[in-house]
Amino acid sequence: MRYPQGGGLTPERQAFRERIRLEAAERFATGASNAEVAKDLRVSVRSVQRWRQAWHDAGTEGLRSAGPVSRPKLSEALFTVLEQELAKGPVAHGWLDQTWTLARIKTLIGRRFHKSMTLSAIAQMLHRHGFSHQVPARRAIERDEQAVAGWVKETWPQAEGPWRRSTPGCASKTRPASR
């Protein structure tokens, strides 16, 4: 299975799939047909055919997982250092505002660790470690909760408009009045 953005399976998912293949090997040994194995394990017949060929050529070891396709560019120790650098903020690294972007993180990784990563690889790595681009770590000190609540209650309903029309509408795509 290929992943266009360089992703892949988690170690747990790899182990799960390996267990399925090894269970198929047990069934091959008992003489089960490809269709039976595919139906019981809820996989495609073509996958079972490939597994049977690998089992025939190399035995049960031929069905074991080969592990991850590649090692991560940043080890856990280096990622811990990156987290500390990110916690210092962009201003500490020479940028004028407090916004971390993938491009800035890429530059930081290049400067600090002398490694090059794609933006999508950086995004996946951060996501794997629990980072999110949507939720700020804390709210602004200047935020006035009473003003926000008042705006949502009073101003937003007028800006949003009514939910329903005050007059009946027409379901026809071509209204008689437009002919």
C-alpha atoms as a PDB file:
ATOM      1  CA  MET A   1       0.000   0.000   0.000  1.00  0.00           C
ATOM      2  CA  ARG A   2       1.406   3.371  -0.976  1.00  0.00           C
ATOM      3  CA  TYR A   3       0.877   6.672   0.771  1.00  0.00           C
ATOM      4  CA  PRO A   4       1.353   9.738  -1.440  1.00  0.00           C
ATOM      5  CA  GLN A   5       2.414  12.136   1.299  1.00  0.00           C
ATOM      6  CA  GLY A   6       5.121   9.905   2.769  1.00  0.00           C
ATOM      7  CA  GLY A   7       2.953   8.608   5.584  1.00  0.00           C
ATOM      8  CA  GLY A   8       2.638   5.009   6.566  1.00  0.00           C
ATOM      9  CA  LEU A   9       1.272   2.626   9.101  1.00  0.00           C
ATOM     10  CA  THR A  10       1.730   3.042  12.802  1.00  0.00           C
ATOM     11  CA  PRO A  11       3.691   0.275  14.564  1.00  0.00           C
ATOM     12  CA  GLU A  12       0.436  -0.988  16.115  1.00  0.00           C
ATOM     13  CA  ARG A  13      -1.226  -1.234  12.694  1.00  0.00           C
ATOM     14  CA  GLN A  14       1.843  -2.997  11.245  1.00  0.00           C
ATOM     15  CA  ALA A  15       1.691  -5.563  14.080  1.00  0.00           C
ATOM     16  CA  PHE A  16      -2.030  -6.076  13.489  1.00  0.00           C
ATOM     17  CA  ARG A  17      -1.500  -6.738   9.788  1.00  0.00           C
ATOM     18  CA  GLU A  18       1.367  -9.101  10.534  1.00  0.00           C
ATOM     19  CA  ARG A  19      -0.905 -11.096  12.876  1.00  0.00           C
ATOM     20  CA  ILE A  20      -3.456 -11.396  10.045  1.00  0.00           C
ATOM     21  CA  ARG A  21      -0.782 -12.709   7.660  1.00  0.00           C
ATOM     22  CA  LEU A  22       0.497 -15.218  10.231  1.00  0.00           C
ATOM     23  CA  GLU A  23      -3.038 -16.426  10.854  1.00  0.00           C
ATOM     24  CA  ALA A  24      -3.371 -16.906   7.090  1.00  0.00           C
ATOM     25  CA  ALA A  25      -0.169 -19.010   7.166  1.00  0.00           C
ATOM     26  CA  GLU A  26      -1.738 -21.298   9.766  1.00  0.00           C
ATOM     27  CA  ARG A  27      -4.743 -21.758   7.495  1.00  0.00           C
ATOM     28  CA  PHE A  28      -2.516 -22.424   4.490  1.00  0.00           C
ATOM     29  CA  ALA A  29      -0.905 -25.258   6.467  1.00  0.00           C
ATOM     30  CA  THR A  30      -4.323 -26.823   7.127  1.00  0.00           C
ATOM     31  CA  GLY A  31      -5.158 -26.722   3.401  1.00  0.00           C
ATOM     32  CA  ALA A  32      -7.755 -23.919   3.363  1.00  0.00           C
ATOM     33  CA  SER A  33      -8.500 -22.354  -0.014  1.00  0.00           C
ATOM     34  CA  ASN A  34      -7.691 -18.725  -0.851  1.00  0.00           C
ATOM     35  CA  ALA A  35     -11.379 -17.803  -0.941  1.00  0.00           C
ATOM     36  CA  GLU A  36     -12.015 -19.314   2.510  1.00  0.00           C
ATOM     37  CA  VAL A  37      -9.031 -17.534   4.045  1.00  0.00           C
ATOM     38  CA  ALA A  38     -10.006 -14.219   2.432  1.00  0.00           C
ATOM     39  CA  LYS A  39     -13.587 -14.501   3.668  1.00  0.00           C
ATOM     40  CA  ASP A  40     -12.615 -15.504   7.222  1.00  0.00           C
ATOM     41  CA  LEU A  41      -9.935 -12.822   7.594  1.00  0.00           C
ATOM     42  CA  ARG A  42     -11.962 -10.170   5.719  1.00  0.00           C
ATOM     43  CA  VAL A  43      -9.256  -9.375   3.158  1.00  0.00           C
ATOM     44  CA  SER A  44      -9.112  -9.555  -0.620  1.00  0.00           C
ATOM     45  CA  VAL A  45      -8.473 -12.804  -2.424  1.00  0.00           C
ATOM     46  CA  ARG A  46      -5.571 -11.160  -4.272  1.00  0.00           C
ATOM     47  CA  SER A  47      -3.838 -10.399  -0.958  1.00  0.00           C
ATOM     48  CA  VAL A  48      -4.273 -13.990   0.131  1.00  0.00           C
ATOM     49  CA  GLN A  49      -2.791 -15.150  -3.194  1.00  0.00           C
ATOM     50  CA  ARG A  50       0.299 -12.969  -2.614  1.00  0.00           C
ATOM     51  CA  TRP A  51       0.611 -14.220   0.961  1.00  0.00           C
ATOM     52  CA  ARG A  52       0.303 -17.844  -0.150  1.00  0.00           C
ATOM     53  CA  GLN A  53       3.072 -17.318  -2.720  1.00  0.00           C
ATOM     54  CA  ALA A  54       5.343 -15.702  -0.103  1.00  0.00           C
ATOM     55  CA  TRP A  55       4.520 -18.514   2.348  1.00  0.00           C
ATOM     56  CA  HIS A  56       5.286 -21.116  -0.337  1.00  0.00           C
ATOM     57  CA  ASP A  57       8.635 -19.439  -1.184  1.00  0.00           C
ATOM     58  CA  ALA A  58       9.923 -18.515   2.301  1.00  0.00           C
ATOM     59  CA  GLY A  59       7.601 -20.101   4.846  1.00  0.00           C
ATOM     60  CA  THR A  60       6.099 -18.210   7.763  1.00  0.00           C
ATOM     61  CA  GLU A  61       9.125 -15.892   7.920  1.00  0.00           C
ATOM     62  CA  GLY A  62       8.192 -14.611   4.457  1.00  0.00           C
ATOM     63  CA  LEU A  63       4.997 -13.153   5.933  1.00  0.00           C
ATOM     64  CA  ARG A  64       6.619 -11.281   8.799  1.00  0.00           C
ATOM     65  CA  SER A  65       6.735  -7.498   8.738  1.00  0.00           C
ATOM     66  CA  ALA A  66       9.951  -5.954   7.483  1.00  0.00           C
ATOM     67  CA  GLY A  67       9.469  -3.024   9.867  1.00  0.00           C
ATOM     68  CA  PRO A  68       9.129   0.628   8.978  1.00  0.00           C
ATOM     69  CA  VAL A  69      10.197   1.646   5.497  1.00  0.00           C
ATOM     70  CA  SER A  70      12.492   4.369   6.777  1.00  0.00           C
ATOM     71  CA  ARG A  71      13.823   5.683  10.033  1.00  0.00           C
ATOM     72  CA  PRO A  72      12.549   9.052  11.236  1.00  0.00           C
ATOM     73  CA  LYS A  73      14.827  11.969  10.400  1.00  0.00           C
ATOM     74  CA  LEU A  74      14.743  13.222  13.991  1.00  0.00           C
ATOM     75  CA  SER A  75      15.240  10.754  16.813  1.00  0.00           C
ATOM     76  CA  GLU A  76      13.190  11.076  19.994  1.00  0.00           C
ATOM     77  CA  ALA A  77      16.121  12.818  21.703  1.00  0.00           C
ATOM     78  CA  LEU A  78      16.425  15.364  18.888  1.00  0.00           C
ATOM     79  CA  PHE A  79      12.670  15.886  18.854  1.00  0.00           C
ATOM     80  CA  THR A  80      12.820  16.686  22.578  1.00  0.00           C
ATOM     81  CA  VAL A  81      15.422  19.357  21.793  1.00  0.00           C
ATOM     82  CA  LEU A  82      13.184  20.665  18.985  1.00  0.00           C
ATOM     83  CA  GLU A  83      10.266  20.909  21.432  1.00  0.00           C
ATOM     84  CA  GLN A  84      12.421  22.997  23.773  1.00  0.00           C
ATOM     85  CA  GLU A  85      13.417  25.267  20.901  1.00  0.00           C
ATOM     86  CA  LEU A  86       9.793  25.667  19.808  1.00  0.00           C
ATOM     87  CA  ALA A  87       8.790  26.525  23.377  1.00  0.00           C
ATOM     88  CA  LYS A  88      11.233  29.465  23.314  1.00  0.00           C
ATOM     89  CA  GLY A  89       9.141  31.009  20.558  1.00  0.00           C
ATOM     90  CA  PRO A  90       9.939  32.410  17.115  1.00  0.00           C
ATOM     91  CA  VAL A  91      11.197  35.750  18.480  1.00  0.00           C
ATOM     92  CA  ALA A  92      14.046  33.954  20.285  1.00  0.00           C
ATOM     93  CA  HIS A  93      15.121  32.581  16.907  1.00  0.00           C
ATOM     94  CA  GLY A  94      15.064  35.894  15.063  1.00  0.00           C
ATOM     95  CA  TRP A  95      11.530  36.218  13.657  1.00  0.00           C
ATOM     96  CA  LEU A  96       9.516  39.330  14.374  1.00  0.00           C
ATOM     97  CA  ASP A  97       6.187  37.801  15.401  1.00  0.00           C
ATOM     98  CA  GLN A  98       5.018  34.913  17.568  1.00  0.00           C
ATOM     99  CA  THR A  99       3.835  32.646  14.732  1.00  0.00           C
ATOM    100  CA  TRP A 100       5.370  29.255  14.065  1.00  0.00           C
ATOM    101  CA  THR A 101       4.951  28.148  10.457  1.00  0.00           C
ATOM    102  CA  LEU A 102       6.138  24.933   8.855  1.00  0.00           C
ATOM    103  CA  ALA A 103       8.655  26.915   6.814  1.00  0.00           C
ATOM    104  CA  ARG A 104      10.088  28.471   9.986  1.00  0.00           C
ATOM    105  CA  ILE A 105      10.259  25.089  11.717  1.00  0.00           C
ATOM    106  CA  LYS A 106      12.045  23.714   8.644  1.00  0.00           C
ATOM    107  CA  THR A 107      14.572  26.550   8.874  1.00  0.00           C
ATOM    108  CA  LEU A 108      15.013  25.904  12.601  1.00  0.00           C
ATOM    109  CA  ILE A 109      15.633  22.186  12.005  1.00  0.00           C
ATOM    110  CA  GLY A 110      18.175  23.057   9.328  1.00  0.00           C
ATOM    111  CA  ARG A 111      20.000  25.536  11.548  1.00  0.00           C
ATOM    112  CA  ARG A 112      19.911  23.477  14.743  1.00  0.00           C
ATOM    113  CA  PHE A 113      20.325  19.891  13.483  1.00  0.00           C
ATOM    114  CA  HIS A 114      21.756  20.345   9.960  1.00  0.00           C
ATOM    115  CA  LYS A 115      18.976  18.187   8.508  1.00  0.00           C
ATOM    116  CA  SER A 116      16.571  18.861   5.676  1.00  0.00           C
ATOM    117  CA  MET A 117      12.935  17.771   5.801  1.00  0.00           C
ATOM    118  CA  THR A 118       9.943  18.446   3.586  1.00  0.00           C
ATOM    119  CA  LEU A 119       7.094  20.539   4.931  1.00  0.00           C
ATOM    120  CA  SER A 120       4.699  17.586   4.798  1.00  0.00           C
ATOM    121  CA  ALA A 121       7.170  15.412   6.737  1.00  0.00           C
ATOM    122  CA  ILE A 122       7.461  18.128   9.392  1.00  0.00           C
ATOM    123  CA  ALA A 123       3.676  18.416   9.625  1.00  0.00           C
ATOM    124  CA  GLN A 124       3.312  14.651  10.027  1.00  0.00           C
ATOM    125  CA  MET A 125       6.072  14.493  12.625  1.00  0.00           C
ATOM    126  CA  LEU A 126       4.479  17.286  14.666  1.00  0.00           C
ATOM    127  CA  HIS A 127       1.041  15.677  14.364  1.00  0.00           C
ATOM    128  CA  ARG A 128       2.445  12.313  15.505  1.00  0.00           C
ATOM    129  CA  HIS A 129       3.783  14.021  18.620  1.00  0.00           C
ATOM    130  CA  GLY A 130       0.473  15.694  19.453  1.00  0.00           C
ATOM    131  CA  PHE A 131       0.996  19.154  17.992  1.00  0.00           C
ATOM    132  CA  SER A 132      -1.959  20.854  16.306  1.00  0.00           C
ATOM    133  CA  HIS A 133      -2.011  23.859  14.028  1.00  0.00           C
ATOM    134  CA  GLN A 134      -5.514  24.843  15.088  1.00  0.00           C
ATOM    135  CA  VAL A 135      -5.391  25.267  18.844  1.00  0.00           C
ATOM    136  CA  PRO A 136      -3.189  27.891  20.489  1.00  0.00           C
ATOM    137  CA  ALA A 137      -1.340  26.882  23.645  1.00  0.00           C
ATOM    138  CA  ARG A 138      -2.875  29.752  25.627  1.00  0.00           C
ATOM    139  CA  ARG A 139      -5.218  32.695  25.175  1.00  0.00           C
ATOM    140  CA  ALA A 140      -4.045  36.239  24.715  1.00  0.00           C
ATOM    141  CA  ILE A 141      -3.668  38.198  27.941  1.00  0.00           C
ATOM    142  CA  GLU A 142      -5.491  41.155  26.364  1.00  0.00           C
ATOM    143  CA  ARG A 143      -8.638  39.084  25.640  1.00  0.00           C
ATOM    144  CA  ASP A 144     -11.764  40.511  27.281  1.00  0.00           C
ATOM    145  CA  GLU A 145     -14.187  37.621  27.876  1.00  0.00           C
ATOM    146  CA  GLN A 146     -17.122  39.931  28.727  1.00  0.00           C
ATOM    147  CA  ALA A 147     -16.687  41.879  25.493  1.00  0.00           C
ATOM    148  CA  VAL A 148     -16.515  38.655  23.483  1.00  0.00           C
ATOM    149  CA  ALA A 149     -19.646  37.278  25.158  1.00  0.00           C
ATOM    150  CA  GLY A 150     -21.505  40.564  24.555  1.00  0.00           C
ATOM    151  CA  TRP A 151     -20.481  40.632  20.899  1.00  0.00           C
ATOM    152  CA  VAL A 152     -21.592  37.021  20.362  1.00  0.00           C
ATOM    153  CA  LYS A 153     -24.938  37.710  22.058  1.00  0.00           C
ATOM    154  CA  GLU A 154     -25.763  41.118  20.538  1.00  0.00           C
ATOM    155  CA  THR A 155     -23.804  41.805  17.345  1.00  0.00           C
ATOM    156  CA  TRP A 156     -23.414  38.356  15.799  1.00  0.00           C
ATOM    157  CA  PRO A 157     -27.158  37.614  15.380  1.00  0.00           C
ATOM    158  CA  GLN A 158     -27.589  40.782  13.267  1.00  0.00           C
ATOM    159  CA  ALA A 159     -24.481  40.032  11.214  1.00  0.00           C
ATOM    160  CA  GLU A 160     -25.512  36.418  10.644  1.00  0.00           C
ATOM    161  CA  GLY A 161     -29.014  37.209   9.402  1.00  0.00           C
ATOM    162  CA  PRO A 162     -32.214  35.255   9.904  1.00  0.00           C
ATOM    163  CA  TRP A 163     -32.274  31.493   9.651  1.00  0.00           C
ATOM    164  CA  ARG A 164     -35.512  31.478   7.647  1.00  0.00           C
ATOM    165  CA  ARG A 165     -36.986  33.645   5.005  1.00  0.00           C
ATOM    166  CA  SER A 166     -39.791  35.848   6.157  1.00  0.00           C
ATOM    167  CA  THR A 167     -41.705  35.056   2.942  1.00  0.00           C
ATOM    168  CA  PRO A 168     -42.360  31.708   1.336  1.00  0.00           C
ATOM    169  CA  GLY A 169     -39.723  30.632  -1.140  1.00  0.00           C
ATOM    170  CA  CYS A 170     -39.931  28.764  -4.406  1.00  0.00           C
ATOM    171  CA  ALA A 171     -38.404  25.330  -4.948  1.00  0.00           C
ATOM    172  CA  SER A 172     -38.393  25.724  -8.728  1.00  0.00           C
ATOM    173  CA  LYS A 173     -35.052  26.444 -10.381  1.00  0.00           C
ATOM    174  CA  THR A 174     -36.799  28.662 -12.914  1.00  0.00           C
ATOM    175  CA  ARG A 175     -39.339  30.822 -11.198  1.00  0.00           C
ATOM    176  CA  PRO A 176     -42.367  31.913 -13.233  1.00  0.00           C
ATOM    177  CA  ALA A 177     -41.537  35.556 -12.536  1.00  0.00           C
ATOM    178  CA  SER A 178     -38.138  35.186 -14.221  1.00  0.00           C
ATOM    179  CA  ARG A 179     -39.516  33.996 -17.592  1.00  0.00           C
END
